[in-house]
N, C-alpha and C. Protein backbone atom coordinates (compact mmCIF):
# COMPACT_ATOMS: atom_id res chain seq x y z
N MET A 1 0.83 -1.18 0.00
CA MET A 1 0.00 0.00 0.00
C MET A 1 0.88 1.25 0.00
N PRO A 2 0.74 2.09 -1.04
CA PRO A 2 1.61 3.26 -1.15
C PRO A 2 1.28 4.29 -0.06
N THR A 3 2.34 4.88 0.46
CA THR A 3 2.16 5.95 1.42
C THR A 3 2.37 7.28 0.73
N LYS A 4 2.21 8.35 1.47
CA LYS A 4 2.29 9.70 0.91
C LYS A 4 3.68 10.02 0.36
N ASP A 5 4.73 9.42 0.93
CA ASP A 5 6.09 9.73 0.52
C ASP A 5 6.58 8.84 -0.63
N ASP A 6 5.84 7.79 -0.97
CA ASP A 6 6.26 6.89 -2.05
C ASP A 6 6.07 7.57 -3.41
N THR A 7 7.03 7.36 -4.29
CA THR A 7 6.93 7.87 -5.66
C THR A 7 6.42 6.74 -6.54
N ILE A 8 5.45 7.05 -7.32
CA ILE A 8 4.90 6.04 -8.22
C ILE A 8 5.49 6.29 -9.61
N PHE A 9 6.11 5.25 -10.15
CA PHE A 9 6.69 5.36 -11.48
C PHE A 9 5.75 4.76 -12.50
N GLU A 10 5.42 5.57 -13.49
CA GLU A 10 4.58 5.10 -14.60
C GLU A 10 5.52 4.65 -15.72
N PRO A 11 5.24 3.54 -16.36
CA PRO A 11 6.10 3.15 -17.48
C PRO A 11 5.95 4.14 -18.63
N LYS A 12 7.09 4.54 -19.18
CA LYS A 12 7.07 5.47 -20.32
C LYS A 12 6.82 4.68 -21.59
N THR A 13 6.10 5.28 -22.50
CA THR A 13 5.93 4.63 -23.80
C THR A 13 7.14 5.01 -24.65
N VAL A 14 7.78 4.02 -25.16
CA VAL A 14 8.97 4.26 -25.97
C VAL A 14 8.55 4.29 -27.43
N THR A 15 8.88 5.38 -28.10
CA THR A 15 8.57 5.48 -29.52
C THR A 15 9.86 5.31 -30.31
N LYS A 16 9.81 4.42 -31.24
CA LYS A 16 10.96 4.20 -32.09
C LYS A 16 10.90 5.22 -33.23
N PRO A 17 12.03 5.82 -33.55
CA PRO A 17 12.00 6.73 -34.70
C PRO A 17 11.78 5.90 -35.97
N ARG A 18 10.91 6.38 -36.79
CA ARG A 18 10.59 5.65 -38.01
C ARG A 18 11.63 5.97 -39.07
N LEU A 19 12.37 4.96 -39.44
CA LEU A 19 13.43 5.16 -40.42
C LEU A 19 12.87 4.93 -41.82
N GLU A 20 13.17 5.88 -42.67
CA GLU A 20 12.73 5.74 -44.04
C GLU A 20 13.76 4.94 -44.81
N ARG A 21 13.30 4.06 -45.66
CA ARG A 21 14.24 3.29 -46.47
C ARG A 21 14.91 4.24 -47.46
N PRO A 22 16.19 4.03 -47.70
CA PRO A 22 16.87 4.91 -48.67
C PRO A 22 16.30 4.67 -50.07
N LYS A 23 16.26 5.74 -50.85
CA LYS A 23 15.77 5.61 -52.22
C LYS A 23 16.73 4.73 -53.01
N LEU A 24 16.15 3.92 -53.85
CA LEU A 24 16.97 3.04 -54.69
C LEU A 24 17.26 3.71 -56.02
N TYR A 25 18.41 3.37 -56.57
CA TYR A 25 18.82 3.93 -57.85
C TYR A 25 19.12 2.81 -58.83
N LYS A 26 18.84 3.09 -60.11
CA LYS A 26 19.11 2.13 -61.18
C LYS A 26 20.45 2.48 -61.83
N VAL A 27 21.24 1.47 -62.12
CA VAL A 27 22.43 1.67 -62.95
C VAL A 27 22.02 1.21 -64.34
N ILE A 28 22.17 2.10 -65.31
CA ILE A 28 21.70 1.83 -66.67
C ILE A 28 22.88 1.77 -67.64
N LEU A 29 22.91 0.71 -68.41
CA LEU A 29 23.91 0.54 -69.46
C LEU A 29 23.36 1.19 -70.73
N VAL A 30 24.16 2.08 -71.33
CA VAL A 30 23.75 2.77 -72.55
C VAL A 30 24.51 2.16 -73.72
N ASN A 31 23.79 1.78 -74.75
CA ASN A 31 24.39 1.15 -75.93
C ASN A 31 25.21 2.16 -76.73
N ASP A 32 26.32 1.69 -77.29
CA ASP A 32 27.07 2.50 -78.26
C ASP A 32 27.51 1.57 -79.39
N ASP A 33 27.95 2.16 -80.49
CA ASP A 33 28.30 1.36 -81.66
C ASP A 33 29.78 1.00 -81.73
N TYR A 34 30.55 1.33 -80.69
CA TYR A 34 32.00 1.14 -80.76
C TYR A 34 32.55 0.08 -79.80
N THR A 35 31.94 -0.05 -78.64
CA THR A 35 32.46 -0.99 -77.64
C THR A 35 32.10 -2.42 -78.03
N PRO A 36 33.08 -3.31 -78.11
CA PRO A 36 32.79 -4.70 -78.47
C PRO A 36 31.90 -5.38 -77.42
N ARG A 37 31.06 -6.27 -77.90
CA ARG A 37 30.13 -6.99 -77.01
C ARG A 37 30.87 -7.75 -75.93
N GLU A 38 31.96 -8.38 -76.29
CA GLU A 38 32.73 -9.18 -75.33
C GLU A 38 33.25 -8.31 -74.19
N PHE A 39 33.67 -7.07 -74.54
CA PHE A 39 34.18 -6.17 -73.51
C PHE A 39 33.06 -5.75 -72.55
N VAL A 40 31.87 -5.48 -73.09
CA VAL A 40 30.72 -5.09 -72.26
C VAL A 40 30.39 -6.21 -71.28
N VAL A 41 30.37 -7.44 -71.77
CA VAL A 41 30.08 -8.59 -70.91
C VAL A 41 31.16 -8.73 -69.85
N MET A 42 32.42 -8.52 -70.21
CA MET A 42 33.52 -8.60 -69.25
C MET A 42 33.35 -7.54 -68.14
N VAL A 43 32.94 -6.33 -68.51
CA VAL A 43 32.72 -5.26 -67.52
C VAL A 43 31.56 -5.65 -66.60
N LEU A 44 30.48 -6.16 -67.16
CA LEU A 44 29.33 -6.57 -66.36
C LEU A 44 29.71 -7.68 -65.38
N LYS A 45 30.55 -8.59 -65.82
CA LYS A 45 30.98 -9.68 -64.95
C LYS A 45 31.90 -9.18 -63.84
N SER A 46 32.86 -8.34 -64.19
CA SER A 46 33.85 -7.93 -63.19
C SER A 46 33.33 -6.86 -62.22
N VAL A 47 32.61 -5.87 -62.71
CA VAL A 47 32.15 -4.78 -61.85
C VAL A 47 30.85 -5.14 -61.13
N PHE A 48 29.91 -5.76 -61.86
CA PHE A 48 28.59 -6.03 -61.29
C PHE A 48 28.41 -7.48 -60.84
N ARG A 49 29.48 -8.27 -60.92
CA ARG A 49 29.46 -9.66 -60.44
C ARG A 49 28.37 -10.51 -61.10
N MET A 50 28.18 -10.30 -62.39
CA MET A 50 27.18 -11.08 -63.12
C MET A 50 27.83 -12.34 -63.68
N GLY A 51 27.01 -13.33 -63.91
CA GLY A 51 27.47 -14.52 -64.59
C GLY A 51 27.57 -14.24 -66.08
N GLU A 52 28.22 -15.12 -66.79
CA GLU A 52 28.40 -14.98 -68.24
C GLU A 52 27.05 -14.80 -68.96
N GLU A 53 26.12 -15.69 -68.66
CA GLU A 53 24.82 -15.67 -69.34
C GLU A 53 24.02 -14.41 -69.03
N THR A 54 23.98 -14.01 -67.75
CA THR A 54 23.24 -12.81 -67.36
C THR A 54 23.86 -11.57 -67.99
N GLY A 55 25.18 -11.49 -67.96
CA GLY A 55 25.88 -10.36 -68.57
C GLY A 55 25.58 -10.25 -70.06
N TYR A 56 25.57 -11.40 -70.73
CA TYR A 56 25.28 -11.41 -72.16
C TYR A 56 23.85 -10.94 -72.44
N ARG A 57 22.91 -11.40 -71.58
CA ARG A 57 21.51 -10.99 -71.75
C ARG A 57 21.32 -9.48 -71.56
N VAL A 58 21.97 -8.92 -70.53
CA VAL A 58 21.88 -7.48 -70.27
C VAL A 58 22.50 -6.70 -71.42
N MET A 59 23.65 -7.16 -71.91
CA MET A 59 24.31 -6.50 -73.04
C MET A 59 23.43 -6.52 -74.28
N LEU A 60 22.79 -7.67 -74.56
CA LEU A 60 21.91 -7.76 -75.74
C LEU A 60 20.68 -6.87 -75.59
N THR A 61 20.13 -6.77 -74.39
CA THR A 61 18.98 -5.89 -74.15
C THR A 61 19.36 -4.45 -74.46
N ALA A 62 20.53 -4.01 -73.99
CA ALA A 62 21.00 -2.65 -74.28
C ALA A 62 21.23 -2.47 -75.78
N HIS A 63 21.78 -3.50 -76.41
CA HIS A 63 22.04 -3.43 -77.85
C HIS A 63 20.75 -3.27 -78.65
N ARG A 64 19.72 -4.00 -78.27
CA ARG A 64 18.44 -3.96 -79.01
C ARG A 64 17.58 -2.76 -78.63
N MET A 65 17.54 -2.41 -77.34
CA MET A 65 16.62 -1.38 -76.85
C MET A 65 17.27 0.00 -76.67
N GLY A 66 18.59 0.04 -76.71
CA GLY A 66 19.28 1.31 -76.50
C GLY A 66 19.82 1.46 -75.08
N THR A 67 19.09 0.94 -74.11
CA THR A 67 19.54 0.95 -72.71
C THR A 67 19.08 -0.33 -72.03
N ALA A 68 19.70 -0.62 -70.88
CA ALA A 68 19.28 -1.78 -70.08
C ALA A 68 19.61 -1.49 -68.62
N VAL A 69 18.69 -1.83 -67.73
CA VAL A 69 18.95 -1.68 -66.31
C VAL A 69 19.86 -2.83 -65.88
N VAL A 70 20.98 -2.47 -65.27
CA VAL A 70 21.97 -3.46 -64.85
C VAL A 70 21.67 -3.93 -63.44
N VAL A 71 21.44 -2.98 -62.53
CA VAL A 71 21.21 -3.32 -61.13
C VAL A 71 20.45 -2.17 -60.46
N VAL A 72 19.72 -2.49 -59.41
CA VAL A 72 19.02 -1.47 -58.61
C VAL A 72 19.55 -1.62 -57.18
N CYS A 73 20.08 -0.51 -56.64
CA CYS A 73 20.68 -0.55 -55.30
C CYS A 73 20.71 0.84 -54.69
N ALA A 74 21.33 0.96 -53.53
CA ALA A 74 21.44 2.26 -52.85
C ALA A 74 22.23 3.23 -53.72
N ARG A 75 21.97 4.52 -53.55
CA ARG A 75 22.56 5.55 -54.41
C ARG A 75 24.08 5.51 -54.44
N ASP A 76 24.72 5.46 -53.28
CA ASP A 76 26.18 5.50 -53.26
C ASP A 76 26.80 4.28 -53.93
N ILE A 77 26.19 3.14 -53.77
CA ILE A 77 26.68 1.92 -54.43
C ILE A 77 26.48 2.03 -55.93
N ALA A 78 25.30 2.50 -56.35
CA ALA A 78 25.01 2.65 -57.79
C ALA A 78 26.00 3.60 -58.45
N GLU A 79 26.25 4.73 -57.83
CA GLU A 79 27.17 5.72 -58.42
C GLU A 79 28.61 5.19 -58.46
N THR A 80 29.00 4.48 -57.42
CA THR A 80 30.35 3.92 -57.38
C THR A 80 30.54 2.87 -58.47
N LYS A 81 29.57 1.97 -58.61
CA LYS A 81 29.66 0.90 -59.62
C LYS A 81 29.67 1.50 -61.03
N ALA A 82 28.79 2.49 -61.29
CA ALA A 82 28.73 3.12 -62.61
C ALA A 82 30.06 3.78 -62.95
N LYS A 83 30.63 4.50 -61.99
CA LYS A 83 31.91 5.18 -62.21
C LYS A 83 33.02 4.16 -62.46
N GLU A 84 33.02 3.10 -61.67
CA GLU A 84 34.03 2.05 -61.83
C GLU A 84 33.97 1.44 -63.23
N ALA A 85 32.75 1.18 -63.72
CA ALA A 85 32.57 0.58 -65.04
C ALA A 85 33.01 1.54 -66.15
N VAL A 86 32.64 2.82 -66.02
CA VAL A 86 33.01 3.82 -67.03
C VAL A 86 34.53 4.00 -67.04
N ASP A 87 35.14 4.05 -65.86
CA ASP A 87 36.60 4.20 -65.78
C ASP A 87 37.32 3.02 -66.42
N LEU A 88 36.80 1.82 -66.20
CA LEU A 88 37.38 0.62 -66.80
C LEU A 88 37.34 0.70 -68.33
N ALA A 89 36.22 1.17 -68.85
CA ALA A 89 36.07 1.32 -70.30
C ALA A 89 37.01 2.39 -70.85
N LYS A 90 37.12 3.50 -70.13
CA LYS A 90 38.02 4.58 -70.58
C LYS A 90 39.46 4.11 -70.64
N GLU A 91 39.86 3.33 -69.63
CA GLU A 91 41.23 2.79 -69.62
C GLU A 91 41.49 1.95 -70.85
N ALA A 92 40.47 1.23 -71.30
CA ALA A 92 40.61 0.36 -72.47
C ALA A 92 40.37 1.14 -73.77
N GLY A 93 39.98 2.41 -73.67
CA GLY A 93 39.78 3.24 -74.86
C GLY A 93 38.41 3.12 -75.48
N TYR A 94 37.41 2.71 -74.70
CA TYR A 94 36.05 2.58 -75.22
C TYR A 94 35.12 3.63 -74.60
N PRO A 95 34.12 4.07 -75.37
CA PRO A 95 33.19 5.09 -74.88
C PRO A 95 31.98 4.51 -74.13
N LEU A 96 32.13 3.34 -73.55
CA LEU A 96 31.03 2.68 -72.85
C LEU A 96 30.47 3.59 -71.77
N MET A 97 29.15 3.67 -71.68
CA MET A 97 28.51 4.61 -70.76
C MET A 97 27.54 3.90 -69.82
N PHE A 98 27.64 4.22 -68.55
CA PHE A 98 26.69 3.77 -67.54
C PHE A 98 26.17 5.03 -66.85
N MET A 99 24.89 5.07 -66.55
CA MET A 99 24.35 6.22 -65.82
C MET A 99 23.47 5.73 -64.69
N THR A 100 23.20 6.60 -63.73
CA THR A 100 22.34 6.25 -62.61
C THR A 100 21.14 7.18 -62.60
N GLU A 101 20.01 6.66 -62.15
CA GLU A 101 18.81 7.48 -61.95
C GLU A 101 17.94 6.85 -60.88
N PRO A 102 17.17 7.69 -60.19
CA PRO A 102 16.32 7.15 -59.12
C PRO A 102 15.27 6.18 -59.66
N GLU A 103 15.00 5.15 -58.88
CA GLU A 103 13.94 4.21 -59.26
C GLU A 103 12.62 4.81 -58.81
N GLU A 104 11.59 4.60 -59.62
CA GLU A 104 10.29 5.21 -59.28
C GLU A 104 9.34 4.25 -58.66
């Protein structure tokens, strides 16, 4: 039985801050008429860790449609991968282009 001097503690309701998921970004392969198909597949395999068959399919999609989505991931990862792929192509003397854009 509580007396006058006793302090009564009420449990506090704990609210968790609601974390928003980071926006996802697409890395897009842009087709060009100069970069050899084999080199594009090699870049997809080495930078994006794709298998031979998947890399070939993505390369053919870009070849036929003009562009192809390579991967969807967090913004910093997407921009890093795109830059890495473009730099690899530049070193080899090819105008291969990758770009990033927000996923909708």
